[in-house]
Amino acid sequence: MMEFYIVSFVIAAMAFWRHRANIVRLAQGKENKVGAKKDK
């Protein structure tokens, strides 16, 4: 069971690391929301 938690944590950490720029933009309110129409 401990292996499951370790693997889950590693996968979550890798996903966070890969998307950290998007996460920062979301926190700042600059990232487009899912399903939102783009302004032209």
C-alpha atoms as a PDB file:
ATOM      1  CA  MET A   1       0.000   0.000   0.000  1.00  0.00           C
ATOM      2  CA  MET A   2       2.871   2.385   0.737  1.00  0.00           C
ATOM      3  CA  GLU A   3       4.152   1.899  -2.835  1.00  0.00           C
ATOM      4  CA  PHE A   4       0.811   3.178  -4.143  1.00  0.00           C
ATOM      5  CA  TYR A   5       1.159   6.417  -2.157  1.00  0.00           C
ATOM      6  CA  ILE A   6       4.743   6.915  -3.295  1.00  0.00           C
ATOM      7  CA  VAL A   7       3.896   6.349  -6.972  1.00  0.00           C
ATOM      8  CA  SER A   8       0.832   8.603  -6.701  1.00  0.00           C
ATOM      9  CA  PHE A   9       2.895  11.374  -5.126  1.00  0.00           C
ATOM     10  CA  VAL A  10       5.591  11.105  -7.803  1.00  0.00           C
ATOM     11  CA  ILE A  11       3.035  11.260 -10.620  1.00  0.00           C
ATOM     12  CA  ALA A  12       1.268  14.248  -9.022  1.00  0.00           C
ATOM     13  CA  ALA A  13       4.608  16.042  -8.509  1.00  0.00           C
ATOM     14  CA  MET A  14       5.596  15.438 -12.142  1.00  0.00           C
ATOM     15  CA  ALA A  15       2.231  16.766 -13.373  1.00  0.00           C
ATOM     16  CA  PHE A  16       2.585  19.855 -11.174  1.00  0.00           C
ATOM     17  CA  TRP A  17       6.141  20.452 -12.397  1.00  0.00           C
ATOM     18  CA  ARG A  18       5.157  20.090 -16.050  1.00  0.00           C
ATOM     19  CA  HIS A  19       2.216  22.501 -15.731  1.00  0.00           C
ATOM     20  CA  ARG A  20       3.664  24.972 -13.222  1.00  0.00           C
ATOM     21  CA  ALA A  21       3.546  27.891 -15.700  1.00  0.00           C
ATOM     22  CA  ASN A  22      -0.166  27.261 -16.339  1.00  0.00           C
ATOM     23  CA  ILE A  23      -0.838  26.971 -12.608  1.00  0.00           C
ATOM     24  CA  VAL A  24       0.821  30.350 -12.010  1.00  0.00           C
ATOM     25  CA  ARG A  25      -1.281  31.951 -14.772  1.00  0.00           C
ATOM     26  CA  LEU A  26      -4.443  30.398 -13.310  1.00  0.00           C
ATOM     27  CA  ALA A  27      -3.586  31.789  -9.886  1.00  0.00           C
ATOM     28  CA  GLN A  28      -3.027  35.233 -11.430  1.00  0.00           C
ATOM     29  CA  GLY A  29      -6.291  35.013 -13.392  1.00  0.00           C
ATOM     30  CA  LYS A  30      -4.505  35.275 -16.747  1.00  0.00           C
ATOM     31  CA  GLU A  31      -5.081  31.731 -18.041  1.00  0.00           C
ATOM     32  CA  ASN A  32      -8.120  31.048 -20.244  1.00  0.00           C
ATOM     33  CA  LYS A  33     -10.849  29.098 -18.505  1.00  0.00           C
ATOM     34  CA  VAL A  34     -11.920  25.734 -19.908  1.00  0.00           C
ATOM     35  CA  GLY A  35     -14.756  26.201 -22.381  1.00  0.00           C
ATOM     36  CA  ALA A  36     -14.480  29.992 -22.441  1.00  0.00           C
ATOM     37  CA  LYS A  37     -14.723  31.743 -25.782  1.00  0.00           C
ATOM     38  CA  LYS A  38     -11.561  33.477 -26.925  1.00  0.00           C
ATOM     39  CA  ASP A  39     -11.706  37.212 -27.533  1.00  0.00           C
ATOM     40  CA  LYS A  40     -10.677  38.153 -31.064  1.00  0.00           C
END
